[in-house]
Amino acid sequence: MVNYLGDNNKQQVHNLENQKENCQMDEIKIVHKRYFIPDTFEQANAEGYASCIHCIENLQ
């Protein structure tokens, strides 16, 4: 199962296991979805993605 989803349009990463209503993950277009290998917050952050303030609170 995938834990992290990146939004290429906003350069933001979301935690799928902690989804909040304000995240608006459902509005990310397919062409803007990014998955990470390995599937970790650290990898997303290393690729320049900022954390979503709603679903990733204190991981930075």
N, C-alpha and C. Protein backbone atom coordinates (compact mmCIF):
# COMPACT_ATOMS: atom_id res chain seq x y z
N MET A 1 0.83 -1.18 0.00
CA MET A 1 0.00 0.00 0.00
C MET A 1 0.87 1.25 0.00
N VAL A 2 0.44 2.25 -0.72
CA VAL A 2 1.15 3.52 -0.81
C VAL A 2 0.82 4.38 0.41
N ASN A 3 1.83 5.00 0.99
CA ASN A 3 1.62 5.87 2.15
C ASN A 3 1.68 7.35 1.81
N TYR A 4 2.48 7.71 0.81
CA TYR A 4 2.69 9.12 0.49
C TYR A 4 2.35 9.41 -0.97
N LEU A 5 1.68 10.54 -1.19
CA LEU A 5 1.27 10.97 -2.51
C LEU A 5 1.75 12.39 -2.72
N GLY A 6 2.49 12.61 -3.80
CA GLY A 6 2.96 13.94 -4.11
C GLY A 6 2.05 14.62 -5.12
N ASP A 7 1.97 15.92 -5.01
CA ASP A 7 1.23 16.76 -5.96
C ASP A 7 2.27 17.60 -6.70
N ASN A 8 2.56 17.22 -7.97
CA ASN A 8 3.56 17.93 -8.76
C ASN A 8 3.18 19.39 -9.00
N ASN A 9 1.91 19.69 -9.03
CA ASN A 9 1.45 21.05 -9.29
C ASN A 9 1.79 21.98 -8.13
N LYS A 10 1.63 21.50 -6.90
CA LYS A 10 1.89 22.33 -5.71
C LYS A 10 3.20 21.97 -5.01
N GLN A 11 3.90 20.93 -5.52
CA GLN A 11 5.13 20.43 -4.89
C GLN A 11 4.89 20.13 -3.41
N GLN A 12 3.81 19.39 -3.17
CA GLN A 12 3.38 19.08 -1.81
C GLN A 12 3.20 17.57 -1.68
N VAL A 13 3.50 17.04 -0.50
CA VAL A 13 3.33 15.61 -0.24
C VAL A 13 2.26 15.43 0.83
N HIS A 14 1.45 14.38 0.64
CA HIS A 14 0.36 14.06 1.57
C HIS A 14 0.57 12.67 2.15
N ASN A 15 0.14 12.49 3.39
CA ASN A 15 0.19 11.20 4.06
C ASN A 15 -1.19 10.55 3.89
N LEU A 16 -1.28 9.51 3.08
CA LEU A 16 -2.56 8.87 2.79
C LEU A 16 -3.17 8.16 3.99
N GLU A 17 -2.35 7.83 4.98
CA GLU A 17 -2.86 7.17 6.18
C GLU A 17 -3.43 8.16 7.19
N ASN A 18 -3.26 9.45 6.93
CA ASN A 18 -3.71 10.48 7.86
C ASN A 18 -4.50 11.56 7.11
N GLN A 19 -5.24 11.15 6.10
CA GLN A 19 -5.96 12.09 5.24
C GLN A 19 -6.96 12.92 6.03
N LYS A 20 -6.96 14.23 5.78
CA LYS A 20 -7.87 15.17 6.41
C LYS A 20 -8.74 15.82 5.33
N GLU A 21 -9.89 16.34 5.73
CA GLU A 21 -10.81 16.96 4.78
C GLU A 21 -10.16 18.14 4.04
N ASN A 22 -9.33 18.91 4.73
CA ASN A 22 -8.71 20.09 4.13
C ASN A 22 -7.57 19.78 3.16
N CYS A 23 -7.12 18.55 3.10
CA CYS A 23 -6.01 18.19 2.21
C CYS A 23 -6.37 18.34 0.74
N GLN A 24 -7.57 18.08 0.38
CA GLN A 24 -8.04 18.14 -1.00
C GLN A 24 -7.28 17.18 -1.92
N MET A 25 -6.88 16.03 -1.38
CA MET A 25 -6.18 15.03 -2.19
C MET A 25 -7.02 14.55 -3.36
N ASP A 26 -8.32 14.52 -3.18
CA ASP A 26 -9.21 14.06 -4.25
C ASP A 26 -9.19 14.99 -5.46
N GLU A 27 -8.71 16.21 -5.29
CA GLU A 27 -8.68 17.18 -6.37
C GLU A 27 -7.38 17.15 -7.17
N ILE A 28 -6.41 16.33 -6.76
CA ILE A 28 -5.15 16.23 -7.49
C ILE A 28 -5.39 15.49 -8.79
N LYS A 29 -5.09 16.15 -9.90
CA LYS A 29 -5.27 15.52 -11.22
C LYS A 29 -4.26 14.38 -11.40
N ILE A 30 -4.66 13.39 -12.15
CA ILE A 30 -3.81 12.21 -12.37
C ILE A 30 -2.43 12.62 -12.89
N VAL A 31 -2.37 13.58 -13.79
CA VAL A 31 -1.08 14.00 -14.36
C VAL A 31 -0.18 14.68 -13.33
N HIS A 32 -0.74 15.09 -12.20
CA HIS A 32 0.04 15.76 -11.16
C HIS A 32 0.37 14.84 -9.98
N LYS A 33 -0.10 13.60 -10.02
CA LYS A 33 0.18 12.67 -8.92
C LYS A 33 1.59 12.11 -9.06
N ARG A 34 2.28 12.03 -7.93
CA ARG A 34 3.65 11.51 -7.90
C ARG A 34 3.77 10.54 -6.74
N TYR A 35 4.32 9.37 -7.03
CA TYR A 35 4.58 8.37 -5.99
C TYR A 35 6.08 8.25 -5.82
N PHE A 36 6.52 7.87 -4.64
CA PHE A 36 7.93 7.90 -4.31
C PHE A 36 8.48 6.50 -4.07
N ILE A 37 9.75 6.32 -4.48
CA ILE A 37 10.45 5.06 -4.26
C ILE A 37 11.77 5.41 -3.59
N PRO A 38 11.98 5.03 -2.34
CA PRO A 38 11.05 4.32 -1.48
C PRO A 38 9.90 5.23 -1.04
N ASP A 39 8.84 4.62 -0.61
CA ASP A 39 7.61 5.32 -0.24
C ASP A 39 7.73 5.88 1.18
N THR A 40 8.54 6.94 1.32
CA THR A 40 8.77 7.54 2.63
C THR A 40 8.66 9.06 2.53
N PHE A 41 8.37 9.68 3.66
CA PHE A 41 8.34 11.14 3.72
C PHE A 41 9.73 11.70 3.42
N GLU A 42 10.76 11.05 3.93
CA GLU A 42 12.13 11.51 3.71
C GLU A 42 12.47 11.56 2.23
N GLN A 43 12.02 10.57 1.46
CA GLN A 43 12.27 10.55 0.02
C GLN A 43 11.53 11.70 -0.66
N ALA A 44 10.28 11.91 -0.29
CA ALA A 44 9.50 13.01 -0.87
C ALA A 44 10.15 14.35 -0.56
N ASN A 45 10.60 14.51 0.67
CA ASN A 45 11.25 15.75 1.09
C ASN A 45 12.57 15.94 0.34
N ALA A 46 13.32 14.86 0.15
CA ALA A 46 14.59 14.93 -0.58
C ALA A 46 14.37 15.33 -2.04
N GLU A 47 13.19 15.02 -2.58
CA GLU A 47 12.86 15.38 -3.96
C GLU A 47 12.23 16.77 -4.05
N GLY A 48 12.21 17.49 -2.93
CA GLY A 48 11.75 18.87 -2.95
C GLY A 48 10.30 19.11 -2.63
N TYR A 49 9.60 18.09 -2.13
CA TYR A 49 8.18 18.23 -1.80
C TYR A 49 8.02 18.71 -0.36
N ALA A 50 7.20 19.74 -0.18
CA ALA A 50 6.90 20.25 1.15
C ALA A 50 5.73 19.47 1.72
N SER A 51 5.67 19.36 3.03
CA SER A 51 4.60 18.59 3.65
C SER A 51 3.29 19.37 3.69
N CYS A 52 2.20 18.66 3.54
CA CYS A 52 0.87 19.22 3.69
C CYS A 52 0.68 19.57 5.16
N ILE A 53 0.20 20.76 5.45
CA ILE A 53 0.04 21.18 6.84
C ILE A 53 -1.13 20.48 7.53
N HIS A 54 -1.98 19.81 6.75
CA HIS A 54 -3.15 19.16 7.33
C HIS A 54 -2.90 17.70 7.69
N CYS A 55 -2.21 16.95 6.82
CA CYS A 55 -2.07 15.52 7.07
C CYS A 55 -0.66 15.11 7.52
N ILE A 56 0.30 16.00 7.39
CA ILE A 56 1.67 15.74 7.88
C ILE A 56 1.98 16.88 8.83
N GLU A 57 1.84 16.60 10.11
CA GLU A 57 1.93 17.68 11.08
C GLU A 57 3.34 17.93 11.58
N ASN A 58 4.00 16.93 12.12
CA ASN A 58 5.30 17.14 12.76
C ASN A 58 6.40 16.24 12.21
N LEU A 59 6.35 15.92 10.94
CA LEU A 59 7.36 15.03 10.38
C LEU A 59 8.61 15.76 9.92
N GLN A 60 8.55 17.07 9.79
CA GLN A 60 9.71 17.79 9.27
C GLN A 60 10.73 18.03 10.34
